[in-house]
Amino acid sequence: MNTMPKPLPVVRLRVPTEEDAFAWHKIFDDPDVMEFHGGAAAELSVYEELTARQRRHDAERGFCLWTMLNGDGEVIGFTGAQPWPHEEFGPVGEIEVGWRLGRAYWGRGYVTAAANTTLERVRAAGVGRVVAMVNSRNARSVAVTRRLGMELVETYISPSKQEAYCFRIDL
């Protein structure tokens, strides 16, 4: 019996382009992907604004939510870090790591590989710790936080009345 962990896949991260808004809109137009993000696909304009904001974050901070590309160069999602975007709840003032992956790419280790690279890049940019906010019912993302070595430090109730776990790791 082979007990060696499965090697992580090749994943590349890049600053999102204007065209990535279209790719994100297409691959996230899936109720399974959006289950913990409001349940429905966002309008294209949401992704246009999000990719533009991420380009600003990268220019100003040296990190953002990067576009994830698989070994074939296909856009498969995003992962990265940004300032916690809400003022009304959660870890206000913290840097949050996050990810979203197209359904066709689940279960292959892409998020873990990309999130490990994210932690390295954010540490190199001078950030001392990060958080990850995860819907308490999202077992897949909770598992990613565990693989990253993050610890559950707090529980919040979101404005939409969802229980959210806050995980943290010192870099």
N, C-alpha and C. Protein backbone atom coordinates (compact mmCIF):
# COMPACT_ATOMS: atom_id res chain seq x y z
N MET A 1 0.84 -1.18 0.00
CA MET A 1 0.00 0.00 0.00
C MET A 1 0.88 1.25 0.00
N ASN A 2 0.63 2.14 -0.95
CA ASN A 2 1.39 3.38 -1.08
C ASN A 2 0.77 4.44 -0.18
N THR A 3 1.53 4.89 0.81
CA THR A 3 1.02 5.92 1.72
C THR A 3 1.60 7.30 1.42
N MET A 4 2.36 7.41 0.34
CA MET A 4 2.92 8.70 -0.06
C MET A 4 1.79 9.61 -0.55
N PRO A 5 1.84 10.90 -0.15
CA PRO A 5 0.80 11.81 -0.64
C PRO A 5 0.93 11.99 -2.15
N LYS A 6 -0.20 12.19 -2.78
CA LYS A 6 -0.24 12.42 -4.21
C LYS A 6 0.44 13.75 -4.52
N PRO A 7 1.32 13.80 -5.53
CA PRO A 7 1.97 15.08 -5.85
C PRO A 7 0.93 16.11 -6.31
N LEU A 8 1.19 17.36 -5.97
CA LEU A 8 0.27 18.42 -6.38
C LEU A 8 0.46 18.72 -7.87
N PRO A 9 -0.61 19.14 -8.53
CA PRO A 9 -0.52 19.40 -9.96
C PRO A 9 0.23 20.70 -10.26
N VAL A 10 0.60 20.86 -11.50
CA VAL A 10 1.21 22.10 -11.97
C VAL A 10 0.10 23.15 -12.05
N VAL A 11 0.34 24.27 -11.42
CA VAL A 11 -0.60 25.39 -11.47
C VAL A 11 0.22 26.66 -11.55
N ARG A 12 -0.22 27.57 -12.39
CA ARG A 12 0.47 28.85 -12.56
C ARG A 12 -0.48 29.96 -12.15
N LEU A 13 0.06 30.99 -11.52
CA LEU A 13 -0.74 32.14 -11.10
C LEU A 13 -0.28 33.37 -11.86
N ARG A 14 -1.25 34.17 -12.31
CA ARG A 14 -0.91 35.44 -12.97
C ARG A 14 -1.90 36.51 -12.52
N VAL A 15 -1.47 37.75 -12.62
CA VAL A 15 -2.36 38.87 -12.34
C VAL A 15 -3.51 38.80 -13.34
N PRO A 16 -4.75 38.94 -12.88
CA PRO A 16 -5.89 38.80 -13.79
C PRO A 16 -5.86 39.86 -14.90
N THR A 17 -6.17 39.42 -16.09
CA THR A 17 -6.29 40.30 -17.25
C THR A 17 -7.76 40.71 -17.42
N GLU A 18 -7.99 41.67 -18.29
CA GLU A 18 -9.39 42.04 -18.59
C GLU A 18 -10.14 40.83 -19.14
N GLU A 19 -9.48 40.02 -19.96
CA GLU A 19 -10.11 38.84 -20.55
C GLU A 19 -10.47 37.80 -19.49
N ASP A 20 -9.75 37.79 -18.38
CA ASP A 20 -10.04 36.81 -17.33
C ASP A 20 -11.42 37.02 -16.73
N ALA A 21 -11.94 38.24 -16.78
CA ALA A 21 -13.30 38.47 -16.29
C ALA A 21 -14.29 37.57 -17.04
N PHE A 22 -14.11 37.43 -18.33
CA PHE A 22 -14.98 36.57 -19.14
C PHE A 22 -14.79 35.10 -18.76
N ALA A 23 -13.54 34.70 -18.58
CA ALA A 23 -13.25 33.30 -18.22
C ALA A 23 -13.82 32.97 -16.84
N TRP A 24 -13.63 33.85 -15.87
CA TRP A 24 -14.17 33.63 -14.53
C TRP A 24 -15.69 33.54 -14.58
N HIS A 25 -16.30 34.46 -15.31
CA HIS A 25 -17.77 34.46 -15.43
C HIS A 25 -18.26 33.13 -15.99
N LYS A 26 -17.57 32.61 -16.99
CA LYS A 26 -17.98 31.34 -17.62
C LYS A 26 -17.80 30.15 -16.68
N ILE A 27 -16.62 30.01 -16.06
CA ILE A 27 -16.37 28.80 -15.26
C ILE A 27 -17.06 28.83 -13.91
N PHE A 28 -17.42 30.03 -13.43
CA PHE A 28 -18.14 30.12 -12.15
C PHE A 28 -19.66 30.15 -12.34
N ASP A 29 -20.12 30.04 -13.58
CA ASP A 29 -21.56 30.00 -13.85
C ASP A 29 -22.06 28.58 -13.63
N ASP A 30 -22.01 28.17 -12.36
CA ASP A 30 -22.34 26.80 -11.99
C ASP A 30 -22.87 26.83 -10.56
N PRO A 31 -24.07 26.29 -10.32
CA PRO A 31 -24.63 26.35 -8.97
C PRO A 31 -23.76 25.65 -7.92
N ASP A 32 -23.04 24.59 -8.31
CA ASP A 32 -22.15 23.92 -7.35
C ASP A 32 -21.01 24.84 -6.94
N VAL A 33 -20.43 25.54 -7.89
CA VAL A 33 -19.32 26.46 -7.60
C VAL A 33 -19.80 27.61 -6.72
N MET A 34 -21.01 28.09 -6.98
CA MET A 34 -21.53 29.28 -6.29
C MET A 34 -22.33 28.95 -5.04
N GLU A 35 -22.38 27.68 -4.65
CA GLU A 35 -23.19 27.27 -3.51
C GLU A 35 -22.93 28.12 -2.26
N PHE A 36 -21.68 28.43 -1.98
CA PHE A 36 -21.34 29.18 -0.77
C PHE A 36 -21.03 30.65 -1.06
N HIS A 37 -21.40 31.08 -2.27
CA HIS A 37 -21.16 32.47 -2.69
C HIS A 37 -22.45 33.08 -3.23
N GLY A 38 -23.53 32.86 -2.53
CA GLY A 38 -24.80 33.44 -2.93
C GLY A 38 -25.68 32.52 -3.76
N GLY A 39 -25.13 31.40 -4.23
CA GLY A 39 -25.93 30.40 -4.92
C GLY A 39 -26.14 30.60 -6.40
N ALA A 40 -25.95 31.81 -6.90
CA ALA A 40 -26.18 32.08 -8.31
C ALA A 40 -24.96 32.77 -8.91
N ALA A 41 -24.83 32.61 -10.19
CA ALA A 41 -23.72 33.25 -10.89
C ALA A 41 -23.85 34.76 -10.83
N ALA A 42 -22.72 35.41 -10.73
CA ALA A 42 -22.68 36.87 -10.75
C ALA A 42 -22.72 37.36 -12.19
N GLU A 43 -23.13 38.59 -12.36
CA GLU A 43 -23.11 39.22 -13.68
C GLU A 43 -21.66 39.42 -14.13
N LEU A 44 -21.47 39.49 -15.43
CA LEU A 44 -20.13 39.73 -15.98
C LEU A 44 -19.51 40.99 -15.38
N SER A 45 -20.30 42.03 -15.18
CA SER A 45 -19.77 43.29 -14.65
C SER A 45 -19.11 43.10 -13.27
N VAL A 46 -19.60 42.15 -12.48
CA VAL A 46 -19.00 41.86 -11.17
C VAL A 46 -17.56 41.37 -11.36
N TYR A 47 -17.36 40.49 -12.33
CA TYR A 47 -16.02 39.96 -12.58
C TYR A 47 -15.13 41.00 -13.26
N GLU A 48 -15.71 41.88 -14.07
CA GLU A 48 -14.91 42.96 -14.65
C GLU A 48 -14.38 43.88 -13.55
N GLU A 49 -15.24 44.22 -12.58
CA GLU A 49 -14.81 45.06 -11.47
C GLU A 49 -13.81 44.31 -10.59
N LEU A 50 -14.06 43.03 -10.33
CA LEU A 50 -13.17 42.24 -9.47
C LEU A 50 -11.78 42.11 -10.08
N THR A 51 -11.69 41.81 -11.37
CA THR A 51 -10.36 41.68 -11.99
C THR A 51 -9.64 43.03 -12.00
N ALA A 52 -10.37 44.12 -12.24
CA ALA A 52 -9.74 45.45 -12.21
C ALA A 52 -9.22 45.76 -10.80
N ARG A 53 -10.02 45.45 -9.77
CA ARG A 53 -9.59 45.68 -8.39
C ARG A 53 -8.36 44.85 -8.07
N GLN A 54 -8.30 43.61 -8.56
CA GLN A 54 -7.15 42.75 -8.27
C GLN A 54 -5.88 43.28 -8.94
N ARG A 55 -6.00 43.84 -10.14
CA ARG A 55 -4.83 44.45 -10.78
C ARG A 55 -4.31 45.61 -9.93
N ARG A 56 -5.23 46.41 -9.35
CA ARG A 56 -4.81 47.50 -8.46
C ARG A 56 -4.13 46.95 -7.21
N HIS A 57 -4.73 45.91 -6.61
CA HIS A 57 -4.11 45.31 -5.41
C HIS A 57 -2.69 44.85 -5.72
N ASP A 58 -2.51 44.19 -6.85
CA ASP A 58 -1.17 43.69 -7.18
C ASP A 58 -0.19 44.84 -7.35
N ALA A 59 -0.62 45.89 -8.03
CA ALA A 59 0.27 47.05 -8.25
C ALA A 59 0.62 47.74 -6.93
N GLU A 60 -0.36 47.84 -6.03
CA GLU A 60 -0.16 48.57 -4.78
C GLU A 60 0.46 47.72 -3.67
N ARG A 61 0.14 46.43 -3.63
CA ARG A 61 0.53 45.59 -2.49
C ARG A 61 1.47 44.44 -2.85
N GLY A 62 1.54 44.08 -4.12
CA GLY A 62 2.37 42.96 -4.53
C GLY A 62 1.67 41.62 -4.45
N PHE A 63 0.37 41.64 -4.20
CA PHE A 63 -0.43 40.41 -4.19
C PHE A 63 -1.88 40.76 -4.52
N CYS A 64 -2.63 39.74 -4.91
CA CYS A 64 -4.03 39.92 -5.29
C CYS A 64 -4.67 38.53 -5.38
N LEU A 65 -5.90 38.48 -5.86
CA LEU A 65 -6.50 37.20 -6.24
C LEU A 65 -6.03 36.94 -7.67
N TRP A 66 -5.09 36.01 -7.81
CA TRP A 66 -4.50 35.71 -9.11
C TRP A 66 -5.36 34.72 -9.88
N THR A 67 -5.29 34.82 -11.19
CA THR A 67 -5.92 33.83 -12.05
C THR A 67 -5.08 32.56 -11.99
N MET A 68 -5.77 31.42 -11.79
CA MET A 68 -5.11 30.11 -11.78
C MET A 68 -5.18 29.50 -13.17
N LEU A 69 -4.05 28.99 -13.63
CA LEU A 69 -3.96 28.31 -14.92
C LEU A 69 -3.42 26.90 -14.67
N ASN A 70 -4.02 25.92 -15.34
CA ASN A 70 -3.50 24.56 -15.21
C ASN A 70 -2.29 24.38 -16.12
N GLY A 71 -1.75 23.17 -16.16
CA GLY A 71 -0.56 22.90 -16.95
C GLY A 71 -0.74 23.13 -18.44
N ASP A 72 -2.00 23.11 -18.91
CA ASP A 72 -2.29 23.38 -20.32
C ASP A 72 -2.54 24.85 -20.60
N GLY A 73 -2.44 25.70 -19.55
CA GLY A 73 -2.66 27.12 -19.72
C GLY A 73 -4.12 27.54 -19.69
N GLU A 74 -5.02 26.65 -19.30
CA GLU A 74 -6.44 26.97 -19.21
C GLU A 74 -6.73 27.71 -17.91
N VAL A 75 -7.59 28.72 -17.97
CA VAL A 75 -8.05 29.40 -16.76
C VAL A 75 -8.98 28.44 -16.02
N ILE A 76 -8.64 28.17 -14.75
CA ILE A 76 -9.43 27.21 -13.98
C ILE A 76 -10.04 27.83 -12.72
N GLY A 77 -9.69 29.08 -12.40
CA GLY A 77 -10.23 29.72 -11.22
C GLY A 77 -9.33 30.84 -10.75
N PHE A 78 -9.45 31.16 -9.46
CA PHE A 78 -8.54 32.14 -8.88
C PHE A 78 -8.15 31.71 -7.47
N THR A 79 -7.02 32.19 -7.03
CA THR A 79 -6.60 32.09 -5.64
C THR A 79 -5.64 33.24 -5.38
N GLY A 80 -5.53 33.60 -4.14
CA GLY A 80 -4.63 34.69 -3.80
C GLY A 80 -5.03 35.32 -2.49
N ALA A 81 -4.71 36.60 -2.36
CA ALA A 81 -4.98 37.31 -1.11
C ALA A 81 -5.38 38.74 -1.42
N GLN A 82 -6.20 39.27 -0.51
CA GLN A 82 -6.63 40.66 -0.61
C GLN A 82 -7.04 41.12 0.78
N PRO A 83 -7.12 42.43 0.99
CA PRO A 83 -7.65 42.90 2.27
C PRO A 83 -9.09 42.40 2.44
N TRP A 84 -9.44 41.99 3.66
CA TRP A 84 -10.81 41.55 3.93
C TRP A 84 -11.76 42.63 3.43
N PRO A 85 -12.70 42.30 2.55
CA PRO A 85 -13.47 43.33 1.85
C PRO A 85 -14.71 43.87 2.57
N HIS A 86 -14.99 43.43 3.78
CA HIS A 86 -16.22 43.85 4.45
C HIS A 86 -15.89 44.66 5.71
N GLU A 87 -16.72 45.65 5.97
CA GLU A 87 -16.57 46.47 7.18
C GLU A 87 -17.56 46.05 8.27
N GLU A 88 -18.64 45.35 7.88
CA GLU A 88 -19.72 45.08 8.82
C GLU A 88 -19.55 43.80 9.62
N PHE A 89 -18.66 42.91 9.22
CA PHE A 89 -18.42 41.69 9.98
C PHE A 89 -17.10 41.08 9.55
N GLY A 90 -16.68 40.09 10.30
CA GLY A 90 -15.49 39.34 9.92
C GLY A 90 -14.20 39.97 10.43
N PRO A 91 -13.09 39.47 9.92
CA PRO A 91 -11.77 39.90 10.39
C PRO A 91 -11.34 41.23 9.75
N VAL A 92 -12.03 42.29 10.09
CA VAL A 92 -11.78 43.61 9.53
C VAL A 92 -10.31 43.98 9.74
N GLY A 93 -9.68 44.46 8.68
CA GLY A 93 -8.28 44.88 8.75
C GLY A 93 -7.27 43.79 8.46
N GLU A 94 -7.75 42.56 8.29
CA GLU A 94 -6.85 41.42 8.02
C GLU A 94 -6.68 41.21 6.51
N ILE A 95 -5.64 40.48 6.15
CA ILE A 95 -5.44 40.03 4.78
C ILE A 95 -6.04 38.62 4.69
N GLU A 96 -6.94 38.45 3.73
CA GLU A 96 -7.63 37.17 3.56
C GLU A 96 -7.09 36.44 2.34
N VAL A 97 -6.81 35.14 2.51
CA VAL A 97 -6.53 34.29 1.37
C VAL A 97 -7.84 33.63 0.96
N GLY A 98 -7.98 33.41 -0.33
CA GLY A 98 -9.21 32.81 -0.82
C GLY A 98 -9.00 32.13 -2.16
N TRP A 99 -10.01 31.39 -2.56
CA TRP A 99 -9.93 30.62 -3.80
C TRP A 99 -11.33 30.33 -4.30
N ARG A 100 -11.41 30.12 -5.60
CA ARG A 100 -12.62 29.62 -6.25
C ARG A 100 -12.17 28.88 -7.50
N LEU A 101 -12.73 27.71 -7.69
CA LEU A 101 -12.26 26.82 -8.75
C LEU A 101 -13.44 26.33 -9.57
N GLY A 102 -13.27 26.29 -10.89
CA GLY A 102 -14.29 25.72 -11.75
C GLY A 102 -14.56 24.27 -11.39
N ARG A 103 -15.81 23.86 -11.47
CA ARG A 103 -16.25 22.52 -11.04
C ARG A 103 -15.46 21.39 -11.71
N ALA A 104 -15.12 21.55 -12.96
CA ALA A 104 -14.41 20.50 -13.70
C ALA A 104 -13.02 20.20 -13.13
N TYR A 105 -12.51 21.08 -12.25
CA TYR A 105 -11.15 20.94 -11.74
C TYR A 105 -11.10 20.56 -10.27
N TRP A 106 -12.23 20.32 -9.65
CA TRP A 106 -12.28 19.95 -8.23
C TRP A 106 -11.60 18.61 -7.99
N GLY A 107 -11.04 18.46 -6.79
CA GLY A 107 -10.52 17.17 -6.34
C GLY A 107 -9.18 16.78 -6.90
N ARG A 108 -8.46 17.70 -7.52
CA ARG A 108 -7.18 17.37 -8.14
C ARG A 108 -5.98 18.01 -7.44
N GLY A 109 -6.23 18.83 -6.41
CA GLY A 109 -5.14 19.47 -5.69
C GLY A 109 -4.75 20.84 -6.19
N TYR A 110 -5.47 21.36 -7.17
CA TYR A 110 -5.12 22.68 -7.72
C TYR A 110 -5.16 23.78 -6.65
N VAL A 111 -6.22 23.80 -5.85
CA VAL A 111 -6.34 24.88 -4.86
C VAL A 111 -5.23 24.79 -3.82
N THR A 112 -4.94 23.59 -3.34
CA THR A 112 -3.87 23.45 -2.35
C THR A 112 -2.54 23.92 -2.92
N ALA A 113 -2.22 23.51 -4.15
CA ALA A 113 -0.97 23.92 -4.78
C ALA A 113 -0.92 25.44 -4.93
N ALA A 114 -2.00 26.03 -5.44
CA ALA A 114 -2.04 27.47 -5.66
C ALA A 114 -2.03 28.24 -4.34
N ALA A 115 -2.73 27.73 -3.33
CA ALA A 115 -2.76 28.42 -2.03
C ALA A 115 -1.39 28.37 -1.36
N ASN A 116 -0.66 27.29 -1.51
CA ASN A 116 0.71 27.24 -0.97
C ASN A 116 1.58 28.30 -1.62
N THR A 117 1.46 28.45 -2.94
CA THR A 117 2.20 29.50 -3.65
C THR A 117 1.76 30.88 -3.17
N THR A 118 0.47 31.04 -2.94
CA THR A 118 -0.05 32.31 -2.42
C THR A 118 0.60 32.65 -1.09
N LEU A 119 0.66 31.69 -0.17
CA LEU A 119 1.27 31.96 1.14
C LEU A 119 2.73 32.39 0.98
N GLU A 120 3.46 31.75 0.08
CA GLU A 120 4.86 32.13 -0.16
C GLU A 120 4.96 33.56 -0.68
N ARG A 121 4.11 33.90 -1.65
CA ARG A 121 4.15 35.24 -2.26
C ARG A 121 3.74 36.32 -1.26
N VAL A 122 2.72 36.04 -0.46
CA VAL A 122 2.25 37.03 0.51
C VAL A 122 3.32 37.25 1.59
N ARG A 123 3.95 36.16 2.03
CA ARG A 123 5.05 36.28 3.00
C ARG A 123 6.16 37.14 2.40
N ALA A 124 6.51 36.90 1.14
CA ALA A 124 7.57 37.67 0.48
C ALA A 124 7.20 39.15 0.36
N ALA A 125 5.89 39.45 0.31
CA ALA A 125 5.43 40.84 0.23
C ALA A 125 5.40 41.52 1.61
N GLY A 126 5.79 40.77 2.66
CA GLY A 126 5.90 41.36 3.98
C GLY A 126 4.69 41.19 4.89
N VAL A 127 3.74 40.37 4.50
CA VAL A 127 2.56 40.12 5.34
C VAL A 127 2.91 39.06 6.38
N GLY A 128 2.58 39.33 7.64
CA GLY A 128 2.96 38.44 8.74
C GLY A 128 1.96 37.35 9.08
N ARG A 129 0.69 37.56 8.71
CA ARG A 129 -0.33 36.54 8.94
C ARG A 129 -1.50 36.79 8.02
N VAL A 130 -2.23 35.72 7.75
CA VAL A 130 -3.41 35.82 6.90
C VAL A 130 -4.55 35.02 7.53
N VAL A 131 -5.75 35.34 7.08
CA VAL A 131 -6.93 34.60 7.48
C VAL A 131 -7.59 34.01 6.24
N ALA A 132 -8.46 33.03 6.47
CA ALA A 132 -9.34 32.50 5.42
C ALA A 132 -10.72 32.40 6.04
N MET A 133 -11.70 33.01 5.39
CA MET A 133 -13.08 32.93 5.84
C MET A 133 -13.79 31.88 4.99
N VAL A 134 -14.38 30.90 5.67
CA VAL A 134 -14.98 29.77 4.97
C VAL A 134 -16.37 29.50 5.55
N ASN A 135 -17.35 29.34 4.68
CA ASN A 135 -18.68 28.94 5.12
C ASN A 135 -18.53 27.62 5.88
N SER A 136 -19.17 27.52 7.04
CA SER A 136 -19.00 26.34 7.90
C SER A 136 -19.46 25.05 7.22
N ARG A 137 -20.31 25.14 6.21
CA ARG A 137 -20.78 23.93 5.51
C ARG A 137 -19.88 23.54 4.33
N ASN A 138 -18.85 24.35 4.04
CA ASN A 138 -17.99 24.10 2.88
C ASN A 138 -16.81 23.20 3.28
N ALA A 139 -17.09 21.90 3.33
CA ALA A 139 -16.09 20.93 3.79
C ALA A 139 -14.84 20.94 2.92
N ARG A 140 -14.97 21.16 1.63
CA ARG A 140 -13.80 21.16 0.74
C ARG A 140 -12.83 22.29 1.10
N SER A 141 -13.38 23.48 1.31
CA SER A 141 -12.50 24.60 1.66
C SER A 141 -11.96 24.49 3.07
N VAL A 142 -12.74 23.96 3.99
CA VAL A 142 -12.22 23.71 5.33
C VAL A 142 -11.02 22.76 5.24
N ALA A 143 -11.13 21.73 4.39
CA ALA A 143 -10.02 20.78 4.22
C ALA A 143 -8.77 21.48 3.67
N VAL A 144 -8.95 22.42 2.76
CA VAL A 144 -7.80 23.16 2.22
C VAL A 144 -7.12 23.94 3.34
N THR A 145 -7.89 24.60 4.20
CA THR A 145 -7.27 25.36 5.29
C THR A 145 -6.45 24.44 6.18
N ARG A 146 -6.93 23.25 6.42
CA ARG A 146 -6.20 22.28 7.25
C ARG A 146 -4.90 21.86 6.56
N ARG A 147 -4.97 21.61 5.24
CA ARG A 147 -3.75 21.23 4.51
C ARG A 147 -2.71 22.36 4.50
N LEU A 148 -3.17 23.60 4.61
CA LEU A 148 -2.27 24.75 4.66
C LEU A 148 -1.70 24.97 6.05
N GLY A 149 -2.21 24.26 7.04
CA GLY A 149 -1.74 24.44 8.41
C GLY A 149 -2.43 25.56 9.15
N MET A 150 -3.58 26.01 8.66
CA MET A 150 -4.32 27.09 9.31
C MET A 150 -5.11 26.55 10.50
N GLU A 151 -5.36 27.42 11.47
CA GLU A 151 -6.12 27.04 12.67
C GLU A 151 -7.40 27.84 12.74
N LEU A 152 -8.48 27.18 13.16
CA LEU A 152 -9.75 27.85 13.39
C LEU A 152 -9.61 28.75 14.61
N VAL A 153 -9.90 30.06 14.43
CA VAL A 153 -9.72 30.99 15.54
C VAL A 153 -10.99 31.72 15.94
N GLU A 154 -11.99 31.74 15.06
CA GLU A 154 -13.20 32.48 15.37
C GLU A 154 -14.33 32.03 14.45
N THR A 155 -15.55 32.24 14.92
CA THR A 155 -16.74 31.97 14.11
C THR A 155 -17.57 33.24 14.04
N TYR A 156 -18.05 33.55 12.84
CA TYR A 156 -18.87 34.73 12.62
C TYR A 156 -20.21 34.29 12.03
N ILE A 157 -21.21 35.15 12.17
CA ILE A 157 -22.46 35.00 11.43
C ILE A 157 -22.47 36.13 10.40
N SER A 158 -22.55 35.75 9.13
CA SER A 158 -22.51 36.74 8.06
C SER A 158 -23.83 37.52 8.00
N PRO A 159 -23.83 38.63 7.27
CA PRO A 159 -25.09 39.38 7.11
C PRO A 159 -26.21 38.53 6.49
N SER A 160 -25.84 37.50 5.72
CA SER A 160 -26.86 36.60 5.14
C SER A 160 -27.22 35.46 6.08
N LYS A 161 -26.80 35.59 7.34
CA LYS A 161 -27.12 34.63 8.42
C LYS A 161 -26.46 33.27 8.23
N GLN A 162 -25.33 33.24 7.55
CA GLN A 162 -24.55 32.01 7.38
C GLN A 162 -23.43 31.98 8.42
N GLU A 163 -23.16 30.80 8.95
CA GLU A 163 -22.04 30.64 9.87
C GLU A 163 -20.75 30.57 9.05
N ALA A 164 -19.77 31.37 9.43
CA ALA A 164 -18.49 31.43 8.72
C ALA A 164 -17.36 31.20 9.71
N TYR A 165 -16.44 30.32 9.33
CA TYR A 165 -15.26 30.06 10.14
C TYR A 165 -14.12 30.97 9.68
N CYS A 166 -13.39 31.48 10.65
CA CYS A 166 -12.19 32.27 10.36
C CYS A 166 -10.98 31.44 10.77
N PHE A 167 -10.17 31.08 9.79
CA PHE A 167 -8.92 30.35 10.02
C PHE A 167 -7.78 31.35 9.91
N ARG A 168 -6.69 31.11 10.61
CA ARG A 168 -5.56 32.02 10.60
C ARG A 168 -4.26 31.22 10.57
N ILE A 169 -3.24 31.83 9.96
CA ILE A 169 -1.89 31.26 9.99
C ILE A 169 -0.89 32.40 10.04
N ASP A 170 0.11 32.25 10.91
CA ASP A 170 1.23 33.18 10.94
C ASP A 170 2.22 32.76 9.87
N LEU A 171 2.69 33.74 9.14
CA LEU A 171 3.64 33.47 8.07
C LEU A 171 5.03 33.76 8.55
